[in-house]
Amino acid sequence: MQITLKFGKLLLTITIDIRFILAVIILISQ
């Protein structure tokens, strides 16, 4: 259970990072 929770947080952090990077790329390319 603890491992799943840590993995879930890690996955959420990665997802947020990817969205942030994509937003920056879109802003730069415009």
Protein backbone atom coordinates (compact mmCIF):
# COMPACT_ATOMS: atom_id res chain seq x y z
CA MET A 1 0.00 0.00 0.00
CA GLN A 2 2.81 2.39 0.91
CA ILE A 3 4.69 1.54 -2.29
CA THR A 4 1.57 2.16 -4.39
CA LEU A 5 1.04 5.55 -2.73
CA LYS A 6 4.65 6.59 -3.41
CA PHE A 7 4.38 5.42 -7.02
CA GLY A 8 1.11 7.33 -7.43
CA LYS A 9 2.70 10.54 -6.14
CA LEU A 10 5.69 10.04 -8.43
CA LEU A 11 3.43 9.46 -11.42
CA LEU A 12 1.38 12.56 -10.57
CA THR A 13 4.54 14.66 -10.28
CA ILE A 14 5.81 13.39 -13.65
CA THR A 15 2.44 14.15 -15.27
CA ILE A 16 2.46 17.71 -13.90
CA ASP A 17 6.06 18.19 -15.09
CA ILE A 18 5.17 17.00 -18.61
CA ARG A 19 2.16 19.35 -18.77
CA PHE A 20 4.30 22.26 -17.58
CA ILE A 21 7.02 21.51 -20.16
CA LEU A 22 4.41 21.22 -22.94
CA ALA A 23 2.88 24.56 -21.90
CA VAL A 24 6.31 26.23 -22.02
CA ILE A 25 7.05 24.73 -25.47
CA ILE A 26 3.68 25.96 -26.79
CA LEU A 27 4.32 29.47 -25.44
CA ILE A 28 7.82 29.59 -26.96
CA SER A 29 6.69 28.29 -30.37
CA GLN A 30 3.97 30.93 -30.80
